[in-house]
């Protein structure tokens, strides 16, 4: 028998007054996969996850979790499902361990040693007996994952798990999700960060203004991605611009008096080699953003996306 889909959402719509927060979207998550729901803030990602958890109900469409529906099965929909929406909350005056023990009791109890196991999984064993009020934001996020793992889920749902983390926290969270995925756990996560999704997800739905801008595999998404762009600054940008005419596959534009070269990597590399070989001194050659990041901004029409110069300066 073919196993039931972990999530089977068909043509889901949710409106708040005149606002269509989720507009006729379909998402199918197979058991054992890591699936990403991607989009800028306000795209409808969290609204979709709230419907999955039964916190709100869709206005139309069908939503099944392991072939169970809220209309027919009620709270049983959440058997084998755990996770968190937005940021997990804990009692700051209790330790990490005490918070987990309390949550386990509220959920009917867990097997002996389970609390220690999940603390080890999220690498919080050394901090388990410290008060959560002293935890960093990243530690609280990992404690949220630990709390979700207490019920030994088949489906783990994480809403922007790396949001607000510093670079080290982002790295740790990605590594944690990868380890969980490698264990065979089905993971559905939302994010507004293309790099995060590309690194750990096999399939993705990109949302924009409540609708679907893309639905498919990361492989298919990469095939759609435009050629990358590179910031190029020399001691003679005028001469470099003239040399670009020798390379038809290279497109040059100007951003804040800095050249931006676009084209296939091999073509741009040949152009840069020509520039250096002509005696022009190269002062900067930096990727603007990855091709998938560029495609994400194109698909979502993100007006607030930083320009190439701004992005490099902020790193």
Protein backbone atom coordinates (compact mmCIF):
# COMPACT_ATOMS: atom_id res chain seq x y z
CA UNK A 1 0.00 0.00 0.00
CA UNK A 2 1.26 3.49 -0.89
CA UNK A 3 1.90 5.48 2.32
CA UNK A 4 -0.34 8.48 2.92
CA UNK A 5 1.10 11.89 2.19
CA UNK A 6 2.33 13.66 5.29
CA UNK A 7 0.56 16.81 4.07
CA UNK A 8 -1.96 16.97 1.25
CA UNK A 9 -3.35 20.49 0.90
CA UNK A 10 -5.54 21.02 -2.14
CA UNK A 11 -6.62 24.51 -3.28
CA UNK A 12 -6.56 26.06 0.19
CA UNK A 13 -7.87 29.62 0.55
CA UNK A 14 -8.09 31.80 3.66
CA UNK A 15 -9.38 35.37 3.77
CA UNK A 16 -9.34 37.96 6.53
CA UNK A 17 -11.95 40.46 5.42
CA UNK A 18 -10.92 41.58 1.96
CA UNK A 19 -7.38 40.26 2.35
CA UNK A 20 -6.71 36.87 0.73
CA UNK A 21 -3.90 35.71 3.03
CA UNK A 22 -3.73 32.31 1.30
CA UNK A 23 -5.08 32.16 -2.22
CA UNK A 24 -5.86 28.74 -3.76
CA UNK A 25 -2.57 26.99 -2.93
CA UNK A 26 -1.76 23.28 -3.04
CA UNK A 27 1.10 21.62 -1.15
CA UNK A 28 1.91 17.90 -1.11
CA UNK A 29 4.60 16.65 1.27
CA UNK A 30 5.71 13.02 0.98
CA UNK A 31 6.80 11.03 4.04
CA UNK A 32 10.51 11.36 4.73
CA UNK A 33 11.15 14.52 2.73
CA UNK A 34 12.25 17.99 3.79
CA UNK A 35 9.83 20.46 2.22
CA UNK A 36 10.20 24.22 2.17
CA UNK A 37 7.48 26.88 2.04
CA UNK A 38 9.34 29.99 1.00
CA UNK A 39 8.31 33.61 0.61
CA UNK A 40 8.85 37.16 1.85
CA UNK A 41 7.21 38.39 5.03
CA UNK A 42 3.45 38.63 4.52
CA UNK A 43 3.38 36.00 1.75
CA UNK A 44 0.99 33.75 3.70
CA UNK A 45 3.40 31.10 4.99
CA UNK A 46 2.45 31.32 8.67
CA UNK A 47 -1.27 31.46 7.84
CA UNK A 48 -0.89 28.19 5.94
CA UNK A 49 0.93 26.55 8.87
CA UNK A 50 -1.73 27.79 11.30
CA UNK A 51 -4.35 25.99 9.21
CA UNK A 52 -2.23 22.86 9.28
CA UNK A 53 -2.23 22.93 13.09
CA UNK A 54 -5.97 23.67 13.23
CA UNK A 55 -5.47 27.09 14.82
CA UNK A 56 -7.59 28.58 12.04
CA UNK A 57 -9.75 26.89 9.40
CA UNK A 58 -9.52 27.42 5.64
CA UNK A 59 -12.44 29.09 3.88
CA UNK A 60 -12.21 26.57 1.05
CA UNK A 61 -10.14 23.62 -0.11
CA UNK A 62 -9.17 20.30 1.42
CA UNK A 63 -6.41 19.73 3.97
CA UNK A 64 -5.23 16.26 5.01
CA UNK A 65 -2.42 15.26 7.36
CA UNK A 66 -1.53 11.57 7.05
CA UNK A 67 -4.96 11.15 5.42
CA UNK A 68 -6.76 12.69 8.43
CA UNK A 69 -8.95 15.80 8.25
CA UNK A 70 -10.05 18.26 10.91
CA UNK A 71 -13.69 17.87 9.91
CA UNK A 72 -13.69 14.08 10.32
CA UNK A 73 -10.94 13.37 12.86
CA UNK A 74 -10.68 16.50 14.99
CA UNK A 75 -7.63 16.70 17.22
CA UNK A 76 -6.45 13.27 16.02
CA UNK A 77 -5.09 15.13 12.99
CA UNK A 78 -2.14 16.12 15.16
CA UNK A 79 -1.18 12.57 16.15
CA UNK A 80 2.45 12.22 15.12
CA UNK A 81 2.71 15.95 14.34
CA UNK A 82 4.65 18.56 16.29
CA UNK A 83 6.47 21.83 15.81
CA UNK A 84 5.98 25.52 16.48
CA UNK A 85 4.46 28.59 14.86
CA UNK A 86 6.61 31.72 15.03
CA UNK A 87 8.93 31.63 18.09
CA UNK A 88 8.54 28.96 20.81
CA UNK A 89 7.81 30.28 24.32
CA UNK A 90 8.99 28.89 27.65
CA UNK A 91 8.90 29.78 31.35
CA UNK A 92 12.06 31.89 31.77
CA UNK A 93 12.38 31.15 35.51
CA UNK A 94 12.56 27.38 34.88
CA UNK A 95 15.51 25.50 33.45
CA UNK A 96 15.47 24.01 29.99
CA UNK A 97 15.03 20.55 31.47
CA UNK A 98 12.20 21.66 33.77
CA UNK A 99 10.36 23.24 30.84
CA UNK A 100 10.62 20.02 28.85
CA UNK A 101 9.51 17.85 31.78
CA UNK A 102 6.48 20.09 32.30
CA UNK A 103 5.54 19.96 28.61
CA UNK A 104 5.95 16.19 28.58
CA UNK A 105 3.54 15.83 31.52
CA UNK A 106 0.98 18.07 29.84
CA UNK A 107 1.20 15.89 26.73
CA UNK A 108 0.63 12.65 28.64
CA UNK A 109 4.19 11.77 29.55
CA UNK A 110 7.16 10.38 27.66
CA UNK A 111 9.38 7.33 28.03
CA UNK A 112 12.18 7.42 30.59
CA UNK A 113 15.27 9.15 29.24
CA UNK A 114 13.45 10.92 26.41
CA UNK A 115 14.10 14.41 27.81
CA UNK A 116 17.82 13.70 27.98
CA UNK A 117 17.74 12.30 24.44
CA UNK A 118 16.14 15.37 22.88
CA UNK A 119 18.45 17.71 24.79
CA UNK A 120 21.39 15.81 23.34
CA UNK A 121 19.89 15.90 19.85
CA UNK A 122 19.69 19.71 19.87
CA UNK A 123 23.06 20.00 21.66
CA UNK A 124 21.71 21.62 24.83
CA UNK A 125 22.82 19.00 27.35
CA UNK A 126 25.41 21.33 28.87
CA UNK A 127 22.79 24.07 29.32
CA UNK A 128 19.86 21.88 30.37
CA UNK A 129 19.93 22.94 34.02
CA UNK A 130 20.29 26.65 33.40
CA UNK A 131 17.26 28.95 33.50
CA UNK A 132 15.79 29.64 30.08
CA UNK A 133 15.76 33.37 30.89
CA UNK A 134 19.53 33.28 30.38
CA UNK A 135 19.38 31.42 27.06
CA UNK A 136 20.32 33.10 23.80
CA UNK A 137 17.66 33.37 21.12
CA UNK A 138 19.27 30.52 19.21
CA UNK A 139 19.24 28.28 22.28
CA UNK A 140 15.53 28.96 22.79
CA UNK A 141 14.88 28.05 19.17
CA UNK A 142 16.73 24.76 19.65
CA UNK A 143 14.82 24.14 22.87
CA UNK A 144 11.67 24.59 20.82
CA UNK A 145 12.82 21.83 18.48
CA UNK A 146 13.63 19.66 21.51
CA UNK A 147 10.11 20.20 22.86
CA UNK A 148 8.69 19.22 19.47
CA UNK A 149 10.71 16.02 19.44
CA UNK A 150 9.35 14.87 22.81
CA UNK A 151 6.28 13.32 21.20
CA UNK A 152 8.43 11.42 18.66
CA UNK A 153 6.70 12.95 15.66
CA UNK A 154 6.49 11.65 12.13
CA UNK A 155 6.05 15.22 10.86
CA UNK A 156 7.95 18.19 12.26
CA UNK A 157 6.67 21.66 11.31
CA UNK A 158 9.00 24.62 11.84
CA UNK A 159 8.04 28.21 11.15
CA UNK A 160 11.11 30.32 10.26
CA UNK A 161 13.40 28.32 12.59
CA UNK A 162 16.48 30.40 11.73
CA UNK A 163 14.75 33.79 11.77
CA UNK A 164 16.53 36.32 13.98
CA UNK A 165 19.58 34.13 14.56
CA UNK A 166 23.15 35.31 14.17
CA UNK A 167 25.35 33.53 11.56
CA UNK A 168 26.52 30.92 14.08
CA UNK A 169 22.93 30.25 15.18
CA UNK A 170 21.80 29.90 11.56
CA UNK A 171 24.59 27.40 10.93
CA UNK A 172 23.65 25.37 14.00
CA UNK A 173 19.94 25.35 13.12
CA UNK A 174 20.60 24.20 9.56
CA UNK A 175 22.86 21.44 10.81
CA UNK A 176 20.17 20.35 13.28
CA UNK A 177 17.45 20.20 10.62
CA UNK A 178 19.80 18.20 8.37
CA UNK A 179 20.43 15.68 11.13
CA UNK A 180 16.71 15.30 11.77
CA UNK A 181 16.04 14.83 8.06
CA UNK A 182 18.79 12.22 7.81
CA UNK A 183 17.04 10.27 10.57
CA UNK A 184 13.99 9.84 8.28
CA UNK A 185 11.78 12.46 9.92
CA UNK A 186 9.47 14.41 7.60
CA UNK A 187 10.16 18.14 7.96
CA UNK A 188 8.01 21.01 6.69
CA UNK A 189 9.59 24.38 7.27
CA UNK A 190 8.85 27.93 6.24
CA UNK A 191 11.52 30.50 5.49
CA UNK A 192 12.16 33.75 3.66
CA UNK A 193 15.79 32.76 3.08
CA UNK A 194 16.48 31.01 -0.22
CA UNK A 195 19.92 29.84 0.89
CA UNK A 196 18.43 28.07 3.90
CA UNK A 197 15.82 26.26 1.81
CA UNK A 198 18.22 25.40 -1.02
CA UNK A 199 20.64 23.79 1.39
CA UNK A 200 18.24 21.43 3.16
CA UNK A 201 15.02 21.03 1.11
CA UNK A 202 14.32 18.78 -1.85
CA UNK A 203 11.02 20.41 -2.89
CA UNK A 204 9.66 23.88 -2.36
CA UNK A 205 6.60 26.06 -2.75
CA UNK A 206 7.37 29.75 -3.16
CA UNK A 207 4.51 31.97 -2.05
CA UNK A 208 3.88 35.59 -2.93
CA UNK A 209 0.91 37.68 -1.78
CA UNK A 210 -0.93 34.54 -0.71
CA UNK A 211 -0.54 32.70 -4.01
CA UNK A 212 1.97 30.26 -5.47
CA UNK A 213 4.84 31.77 -7.48
CA UNK A 214 6.64 28.43 -7.93
CA UNK A 215 6.04 24.84 -6.99
CA UNK A 216 8.50 22.03 -7.66
CA UNK A 217 11.92 20.62 -6.93
CA UNK A 218 15.07 22.54 -6.08
CA UNK A 219 16.57 20.99 -9.22
CA UNK A 220 13.82 22.51 -11.37
CA UNK A 221 14.24 25.82 -9.58
CA UNK A 222 17.98 25.87 -10.29
CA UNK A 223 17.25 25.28 -13.99
CA UNK A 224 15.14 28.46 -14.01
CA UNK A 225 17.73 30.59 -12.24
CA UNK A 226 19.32 33.48 -14.17
CA UNK A 227 23.03 33.80 -14.73
CA UNK A 228 24.82 35.20 -11.68
CA UNK A 229 26.04 38.76 -11.44
CA UNK A 230 29.39 40.03 -10.17
CA UNK A 231 30.52 43.38 -8.82
CA UNK A 232 33.55 44.45 -10.84
CA UNK A 233 35.73 47.43 -9.95
CA UNK A 234 39.02 48.29 -11.63
CA UNK A 235 41.40 51.20 -11.86
CA UNK A 236 40.02 51.86 -15.37
CA UNK A 237 36.33 50.96 -15.55
CA UNK A 238 35.96 52.75 -18.87
CA UNK A 239 38.60 50.49 -20.44
CA UNK A 240 36.97 47.42 -18.85
CA UNK A 241 33.63 48.42 -20.37
CA UNK A 242 35.19 48.62 -23.82
CA UNK A 243 36.75 45.17 -23.41
CA UNK A 244 33.31 43.72 -22.59
CA UNK A 245 32.39 44.20 -26.26
CA UNK A 246 34.72 41.30 -27.07
CA UNK A 247 32.54 38.99 -24.98
CA UNK A 248 28.95 38.88 -26.34
CA UNK A 249 27.73 36.73 -23.44
CA UNK A 250 28.60 39.40 -20.86
CA UNK A 251 26.17 42.17 -19.93
CA UNK A 252 27.52 45.21 -18.06
CA UNK A 253 25.51 47.66 -15.98
CA UNK A 254 26.54 50.35 -13.50
CA UNK A 255 25.59 50.35 -9.82
CA UNK A 256 26.92 53.15 -7.60
CA UNK A 257 29.79 53.75 -10.08
CA UNK A 258 30.70 50.05 -9.82
CA UNK A 259 30.33 47.72 -12.80
CA UNK A 260 28.01 44.72 -12.54
CA UNK A 261 28.90 41.93 -14.96
CA UNK A 262 26.20 39.35 -15.69
CA UNK A 263 26.46 36.14 -17.68
CA UNK A 264 27.49 32.51 -17.48
CA UNK A 265 30.36 31.93 -15.07
CA UNK A 266 32.75 30.76 -17.81
CA UNK A 267 31.94 33.78 -19.99
CA UNK A 268 32.41 36.29 -17.19
CA UNK A 269 35.65 34.56 -16.15
CA UNK A 270 37.00 34.92 -19.70
CA UNK A 271 36.06 38.61 -19.70
CA UNK A 272 37.82 39.22 -16.36
CA UNK A 273 40.91 37.39 -17.60
CA UNK A 274 40.89 39.68 -20.65
CA UNK A 275 40.61 42.76 -18.42
CA UNK A 276 43.56 41.69 -16.25
CA UNK A 277 45.58 40.61 -19.27
CA UNK A 278 45.17 44.07 -20.81
CA UNK A 279 46.95 45.64 -17.84
CA UNK A 280 43.85 46.95 -16.06
CA UNK A 281 44.17 46.44 -12.30
CA UNK A 282 41.30 44.49 -10.72
CA UNK A 283 40.26 45.96 -7.35
CA UNK A 284 37.04 44.02 -6.70
CA UNK A 285 35.31 40.95 -8.11
CA UNK A 286 32.46 39.81 -5.87
CA UNK A 287 29.28 37.79 -6.52
CA UNK A 288 26.19 39.97 -5.99
CA UNK A 289 23.83 37.19 -4.92
CA UNK A 290 23.38 33.55 -5.85
CA UNK A 291 21.32 32.75 -8.97
CA UNK A 292 18.57 31.25 -6.79
CA UNK A 293 18.43 34.38 -4.65
CA UNK A 294 18.03 36.46 -7.81
CA UNK A 295 15.27 34.14 -9.02
CA UNK A 296 13.52 34.36 -5.64
CA UNK A 297 13.44 38.16 -5.83
CA UNK A 298 12.14 37.95 -9.42
CA UNK A 299 9.39 35.46 -8.53
CA UNK A 300 8.25 37.36 -5.46
CA UNK A 301 8.79 40.84 -6.89
CA UNK A 302 10.44 41.80 -3.61
CA UNK A 303 10.82 45.56 -3.83
CA UNK A 304 12.87 45.80 -0.65
CA UNK A 305 15.56 43.39 -1.85
CA UNK A 306 18.99 45.05 -1.52
CA UNK A 307 20.85 46.06 -4.63
CA UNK A 308 24.21 44.43 -5.34
CA UNK A 309 26.29 47.18 -3.76
CA UNK A 310 24.09 47.38 -0.67
CA UNK A 311 24.22 43.62 -0.22
CA UNK A 312 28.00 43.43 -0.30
CA UNK A 313 28.38 46.34 2.10
CA UNK A 314 26.07 44.67 4.64
CA UNK A 315 28.13 41.46 4.86
